[in-house]
Amino acid sequence: MLVRDFLDEYARYRAIGDKAMAQVSDDALNRVVAPDGNSIAMIVRHLGGNLVSRFTDFLTADGEKPWRNRDGEFMEGPFTRAAIDQAWSKGWQVVEREVGALTDDDLGRNVTIRGVPHTVHEALSRSVTHASYHVGQIVLLARMLASDDWKWITIPKNQSRQYNANPVHEKGPVR
């Protein structure tokens, strides 16, 4: 049940990112809006690379793989939407496969990230937080770069009362 909670949170953030990126043009995915800033494409490549590195051989190998090129994840494009989608999907697929194979008993086991030991629970908490941080950046950039017909992903402004009457984005019933 606890591992399922992590998977549900990952799925929620993936869906938020999907909805945000769907609202921007292909060109906007590569736009850098501040000096020395990141585009949506760069953030997606980074998050995808992080997830693949962290979760490949999750229980048996360090989470920072020697083959990962973290600095290369932040290279400016242009990158096609297909390439961005591939980096995004690949990262989430590794998460779904590897975290999906865990049991709640695995949460107390140890893994390493950059040689530092963490419990599986700590590593998953750290990873979900990292993913949510970057998905938030993607949403902010998408909102800035989207056309005027932005469709709210969560609770629209001035509609909290209506949302609270039917909280569709909240976690489902206890399993």
C-alpha atoms as a PDB file:
ATOM      1  CA  MET A   1       0.000   0.000   0.000  1.00  0.00           C
ATOM      2  CA  LEU A   2       2.801   2.468   0.795  1.00  0.00           C
ATOM      3  CA  VAL A   3       4.656   1.815  -2.457  1.00  0.00           C
ATOM      4  CA  ARG A   4       1.355   2.331  -4.284  1.00  0.00           C
ATOM      5  CA  ASP A   5       1.152   5.806  -2.693  1.00  0.00           C
ATOM      6  CA  PHE A   6       4.489   6.725  -4.291  1.00  0.00           C
ATOM      7  CA  LEU A   7       3.380   5.379  -7.669  1.00  0.00           C
ATOM      8  CA  ASP A   8       0.144   7.359  -7.431  1.00  0.00           C
ATOM      9  CA  GLU A   9       2.052  10.581  -6.699  1.00  0.00           C
ATOM     10  CA  TYR A  10       4.431  10.000  -9.594  1.00  0.00           C
ATOM     11  CA  ALA A  11       1.433   9.402 -11.881  1.00  0.00           C
ATOM     12  CA  ARG A  12      -0.228  12.571 -10.636  1.00  0.00           C
ATOM     13  CA  TYR A  13       2.818  14.712 -11.381  1.00  0.00           C
ATOM     14  CA  ARG A  14       3.314  13.074 -14.759  1.00  0.00           C
ATOM     15  CA  ALA A  15      -0.294  13.902 -15.678  1.00  0.00           C
ATOM     16  CA  ILE A  16       0.140  17.517 -14.554  1.00  0.00           C
ATOM     17  CA  GLY A  17       3.258  17.840 -16.711  1.00  0.00           C
ATOM     18  CA  ASP A  18       1.494  16.210 -19.670  1.00  0.00           C
ATOM     19  CA  LYS A  19      -1.409  18.653 -19.417  1.00  0.00           C
ATOM     20  CA  ALA A  20       0.895  21.659 -19.166  1.00  0.00           C
ATOM     21  CA  MET A  21       3.122  20.701 -22.089  1.00  0.00           C
ATOM     22  CA  ALA A  22       0.109  19.950 -24.288  1.00  0.00           C
ATOM     23  CA  GLN A  23      -0.850  23.610 -24.063  1.00  0.00           C
ATOM     24  CA  VAL A  24       2.324  25.068 -25.567  1.00  0.00           C
ATOM     25  CA  SER A  25       3.581  25.155 -29.135  1.00  0.00           C
ATOM     26  CA  ASP A  26       6.497  23.027 -30.259  1.00  0.00           C
ATOM     27  CA  ASP A  27       8.603  26.176 -30.495  1.00  0.00           C
ATOM     28  CA  ALA A  28       7.682  27.251 -26.969  1.00  0.00           C
ATOM     29  CA  LEU A  29       8.992  23.965 -25.537  1.00  0.00           C
ATOM     30  CA  ASN A  30      12.505  25.180 -26.394  1.00  0.00           C
ATOM     31  CA  ARG A  31      12.122  28.817 -25.350  1.00  0.00           C
ATOM     32  CA  VAL A  32      14.395  30.066 -22.565  1.00  0.00           C
ATOM     33  CA  VAL A  33      12.673  33.018 -20.882  1.00  0.00           C
ATOM     34  CA  ALA A  34      15.490  34.259 -18.635  1.00  0.00           C
ATOM     35  CA  PRO A  35      19.250  34.642 -18.951  1.00  0.00           C
ATOM     36  CA  ASP A  36      20.929  31.348 -18.025  1.00  0.00           C
ATOM     37  CA  GLY A  37      17.467  29.800 -17.570  1.00  0.00           C
ATOM     38  CA  ASN A  38      16.001  26.506 -18.663  1.00  0.00           C
ATOM     39  CA  SER A  39      13.413  25.709 -21.286  1.00  0.00           C
ATOM     40  CA  ILE A  40      10.668  23.149 -20.779  1.00  0.00           C
ATOM     41  CA  ALA A  41      12.669  20.836 -23.055  1.00  0.00           C
ATOM     42  CA  MET A  42      15.743  21.163 -20.840  1.00  0.00           C
ATOM     43  CA  ILE A  43      13.765  20.466 -17.675  1.00  0.00           C
ATOM     44  CA  VAL A  44      12.089  17.440 -19.252  1.00  0.00           C
ATOM     45  CA  ARG A  45      15.429  16.060 -20.452  1.00  0.00           C
ATOM     46  CA  HIS A  46      16.879  16.584 -16.970  1.00  0.00           C
ATOM     47  CA  LEU A  47      13.979  14.973 -15.124  1.00  0.00           C
ATOM     48  CA  GLY A  48      13.841  12.072 -17.576  1.00  0.00           C
ATOM     49  CA  GLY A  49      17.597  11.525 -17.230  1.00  0.00           C
ATOM     50  CA  ASN A  50      17.361  11.690 -13.464  1.00  0.00           C
ATOM     51  CA  LEU A  51      14.557   9.138 -13.299  1.00  0.00           C
ATOM     52  CA  VAL A  52      16.312   6.713 -15.638  1.00  0.00           C
ATOM     53  CA  SER A  53      19.555   7.031 -13.655  1.00  0.00           C
ATOM     54  CA  ARG A  54      17.962   6.757 -10.224  1.00  0.00           C
ATOM     55  CA  PHE A  55      15.712   3.821 -10.955  1.00  0.00           C
ATOM     56  CA  THR A  56      17.737   1.654 -13.334  1.00  0.00           C
ATOM     57  CA  ASP A  57      18.940  -1.219 -11.111  1.00  0.00           C
ATOM     58  CA  PHE A  58      17.435   0.743  -8.228  1.00  0.00           C
ATOM     59  CA  LEU A  59      18.099  -1.740  -5.427  1.00  0.00           C
ATOM     60  CA  THR A  60      21.536  -2.867  -6.577  1.00  0.00           C
ATOM     61  CA  ALA A  61      23.421   0.084  -8.130  1.00  0.00           C
ATOM     62  CA  ASP A  62      24.141   3.662  -7.134  1.00  0.00           C
ATOM     63  CA  GLY A  63      21.401   6.019  -8.296  1.00  0.00           C
ATOM     64  CA  GLU A  64      23.868   8.302 -10.069  1.00  0.00           C
ATOM     65  CA  LYS A  65      25.006   6.145 -12.961  1.00  0.00           C
ATOM     66  CA  PRO A  66      28.420   6.750 -14.536  1.00  0.00           C
ATOM     67  CA  TRP A  67      26.818   6.792 -18.012  1.00  0.00           C
ATOM     68  CA  ARG A  68      24.502   9.679 -17.142  1.00  0.00           C
ATOM     69  CA  ASN A  69      25.419  13.032 -18.703  1.00  0.00           C
ATOM     70  CA  ARG A  70      23.591  15.414 -16.358  1.00  0.00           C
ATOM     71  CA  ASP A  71      25.213  18.524 -17.829  1.00  0.00           C
ATOM     72  CA  GLY A  72      24.150  17.412 -21.318  1.00  0.00           C
ATOM     73  CA  GLU A  73      20.535  17.337 -20.147  1.00  0.00           C
ATOM     74  CA  PHE A  74      20.689  21.138 -19.934  1.00  0.00           C
ATOM     75  CA  MET A  75      21.978  21.726 -23.474  1.00  0.00           C
ATOM     76  CA  GLU A  76      19.819  24.126 -25.457  1.00  0.00           C
ATOM     77  CA  GLY A  77      17.910  22.658 -28.388  1.00  0.00           C
ATOM     78  CA  PRO A  78      16.017  22.913 -30.416  1.00  0.00           C
ATOM     79  CA  PHE A  79      14.515  19.547 -29.589  1.00  0.00           C
ATOM     80  CA  THR A  80      11.466  18.194 -31.355  1.00  0.00           C
ATOM     81  CA  ARG A  81       8.318  17.475 -29.409  1.00  0.00           C
ATOM     82  CA  ALA A  82       8.869  13.800 -30.247  1.00  0.00           C
ATOM     83  CA  ALA A  83      12.350  13.858 -28.674  1.00  0.00           C
ATOM     84  CA  ILE A  84      11.022  15.648 -25.603  1.00  0.00           C
ATOM     85  CA  ASP A  85       8.132  13.191 -25.302  1.00  0.00           C
ATOM     86  CA  GLN A  86      10.575  10.289 -25.596  1.00  0.00           C
ATOM     87  CA  ALA A  87      12.798  11.591 -22.757  1.00  0.00           C
ATOM     88  CA  TRP A  88       9.703  12.230 -20.617  1.00  0.00           C
ATOM     89  CA  SER A  89       8.135   8.833 -21.296  1.00  0.00           C
ATOM     90  CA  LYS A  90      11.345   6.874 -20.840  1.00  0.00           C
ATOM     91  CA  GLY A  91      11.913   8.324 -17.362  1.00  0.00           C
ATOM     92  CA  TRP A  92       8.372   7.609 -16.198  1.00  0.00           C
ATOM     93  CA  GLN A  93       8.429   4.092 -17.682  1.00  0.00           C
ATOM     94  CA  VAL A  94      11.526   3.211 -15.646  1.00  0.00           C
ATOM     95  CA  VAL A  95       9.839   4.575 -12.506  1.00  0.00           C
ATOM     96  CA  GLU A  96       6.657   2.615 -13.138  1.00  0.00           C
ATOM     97  CA  ARG A  97       8.566  -0.603 -13.781  1.00  0.00           C
ATOM     98  CA  GLU A  98      11.095  -0.392 -10.958  1.00  0.00           C
ATOM     99  CA  VAL A  99       8.984   1.200  -8.241  1.00  0.00           C
ATOM    100  CA  GLY A 100       6.091  -1.007  -9.303  1.00  0.00           C
ATOM    101  CA  ALA A 101       8.246  -4.052  -8.579  1.00  0.00           C
ATOM    102  CA  LEU A 102       8.896  -2.954  -4.978  1.00  0.00           C
ATOM    103  CA  THR A 103       6.970  -4.181  -1.971  1.00  0.00           C
ATOM    104  CA  ASP A 104       6.275  -2.277   1.204  1.00  0.00           C
ATOM    105  CA  ASP A 105       8.885  -4.491   2.895  1.00  0.00           C
ATOM    106  CA  ASP A 106      11.516  -2.983   0.556  1.00  0.00           C
ATOM    107  CA  LEU A 107      11.006   0.521   1.969  1.00  0.00           C
ATOM    108  CA  GLY A 108      13.441  -0.116   4.830  1.00  0.00           C
ATOM    109  CA  ARG A 109      16.187  -1.465   2.553  1.00  0.00           C
ATOM    110  CA  ASN A 110      19.196   0.686   1.712  1.00  0.00           C
ATOM    111  CA  VAL A 111      20.163   2.159  -1.653  1.00  0.00           C
ATOM    112  CA  THR A 112      22.865   4.678  -2.504  1.00  0.00           C
ATOM    113  CA  ILE A 113      22.762   7.943  -4.408  1.00  0.00           C
ATOM    114  CA  ARG A 114      26.183   9.426  -5.189  1.00  0.00           C
ATOM    115  CA  GLY A 115      27.648   7.025  -2.632  1.00  0.00           C
ATOM    116  CA  VAL A 116      25.361   8.240   0.182  1.00  0.00           C
ATOM    117  CA  PRO A 117      23.137   5.566   1.749  1.00  0.00           C
ATOM    118  CA  HIS A 118      19.390   6.163   1.929  1.00  0.00           C
ATOM    119  CA  THR A 119      16.511   3.922   2.798  1.00  0.00           C
ATOM    120  CA  VAL A 120      14.297   3.141  -0.167  1.00  0.00           C
ATOM    121  CA  HIS A 121      11.621   5.243   1.527  1.00  0.00           C
ATOM    122  CA  GLU A 122      14.009   8.209   1.774  1.00  0.00           C
ATOM    123  CA  ALA A 123      15.103   7.796  -1.854  1.00  0.00           C
ATOM    124  CA  LEU A 124      11.497   7.661  -3.063  1.00  0.00           C
ATOM    125  CA  SER A 125      10.528  10.698  -0.973  1.00  0.00           C
ATOM    126  CA  ARG A 126      13.503  12.602  -2.346  1.00  0.00           C
ATOM    127  CA  SER A 127      12.650  11.585  -5.905  1.00  0.00           C
ATOM    128  CA  VAL A 128       8.956  12.506  -5.692  1.00  0.00           C
ATOM    129  CA  THR A 129       9.942  15.886  -4.299  1.00  0.00           C
ATOM    130  CA  HIS A 130      12.466  16.395  -7.100  1.00  0.00           C
ATOM    131  CA  ALA A 131       9.873  15.458  -9.717  1.00  0.00           C
ATOM    132  CA  SER A 132       7.247  17.774  -8.227  1.00  0.00           C
ATOM    133  CA  TYR A 133       9.728  20.659  -8.138  1.00  0.00           C
ATOM    134  CA  HIS A 134      10.499  20.301 -11.838  1.00  0.00           C
ATOM    135  CA  VAL A 135       6.895  19.678 -12.853  1.00  0.00           C
ATOM    136  CA  GLY A 136       6.053  22.941 -11.089  1.00  0.00           C
ATOM    137  CA  GLN A 137       8.681  24.678 -13.206  1.00  0.00           C
ATOM    138  CA  ILE A 138       7.208  23.113 -16.337  1.00  0.00           C
ATOM    139  CA  VAL A 139       3.726  24.336 -15.389  1.00  0.00           C
ATOM    140  CA  LEU A 140       4.954  27.869 -14.693  1.00  0.00           C
ATOM    141  CA  LEU A 141       6.828  28.059 -17.983  1.00  0.00           C
ATOM    142  CA  ALA A 142       3.925  26.528 -19.906  1.00  0.00           C
ATOM    143  CA  ARG A 143       1.514  29.025 -18.349  1.00  0.00           C
ATOM    144  CA  MET A 144       3.792  31.893 -19.377  1.00  0.00           C
ATOM    145  CA  LEU A 145       4.285  30.558 -22.901  1.00  0.00           C
ATOM    146  CA  ALA A 146       0.784  29.284 -23.660  1.00  0.00           C
ATOM    147  CA  SER A 147      -1.777  31.199 -25.577  1.00  0.00           C
ATOM    148  CA  ASP A 148      -4.562  33.104 -23.853  1.00  0.00           C
ATOM    149  CA  ASP A 149      -6.784  30.040 -23.790  1.00  0.00           C
ATOM    150  CA  TRP A 150      -4.885  28.291 -20.971  1.00  0.00           C
ATOM    151  CA  LYS A 151      -6.878  25.487 -19.422  1.00  0.00           C
ATOM    152  CA  TRP A 152      -6.343  25.232 -15.691  1.00  0.00           C
ATOM    153  CA  ILE A 153      -4.780  21.983 -14.562  1.00  0.00           C
ATOM    154  CA  THR A 154      -5.739  22.264 -10.919  1.00  0.00           C
ATOM    155  CA  ILE A 155      -8.150  24.626  -9.175  1.00  0.00           C
ATOM    156  CA  PRO A 156      -8.860  27.701 -11.349  1.00  0.00           C
ATOM    157  CA  LYS A 157      -8.583  31.129  -9.773  1.00  0.00           C
ATOM    158  CA  ASN A 158     -11.675  32.169  -7.833  1.00  0.00           C
ATOM    159  CA  GLN A 159     -13.187  28.683  -8.031  1.00  0.00           C
ATOM    160  CA  SER A 160     -12.026  27.128  -4.750  1.00  0.00           C
ATOM    161  CA  ARG A 161     -15.533  26.903  -3.344  1.00  0.00           C
ATOM    162  CA  GLN A 162     -16.844  25.073  -6.409  1.00  0.00           C
ATOM    163  CA  TYR A 163     -13.827  22.751  -6.388  1.00  0.00           C
ATOM    164  CA  ASN A 164     -14.209  21.929  -2.709  1.00  0.00           C
ATOM    165  CA  ALA A 165     -17.756  20.754  -3.422  1.00  0.00           C
ATOM    166  CA  ASN A 166     -16.278  18.153  -5.836  1.00  0.00           C
ATOM    167  CA  PRO A 167     -12.527  17.698  -5.185  1.00  0.00           C
ATOM    168  CA  VAL A 168     -11.705  15.697  -8.320  1.00  0.00           C
ATOM    169  CA  HIS A 169      -7.904  16.152  -8.064  1.00  0.00           C
ATOM    170  CA  GLU A 170      -7.631  14.718  -4.574  1.00  0.00           C
ATOM    171  CA  LYS A 171      -6.499  11.250  -3.670  1.00  0.00           C
ATOM    172  CA  GLY A 172      -9.111   8.553  -4.054  1.00  0.00           C
ATOM    173  CA  PRO A 173     -10.602   6.481  -1.269  1.00  0.00           C
ATOM    174  CA  VAL A 174      -8.395   4.356   0.936  1.00  0.00           C
ATOM    175  CA  ARG A 175      -7.688   1.007  -0.700  1.00  0.00           C
END
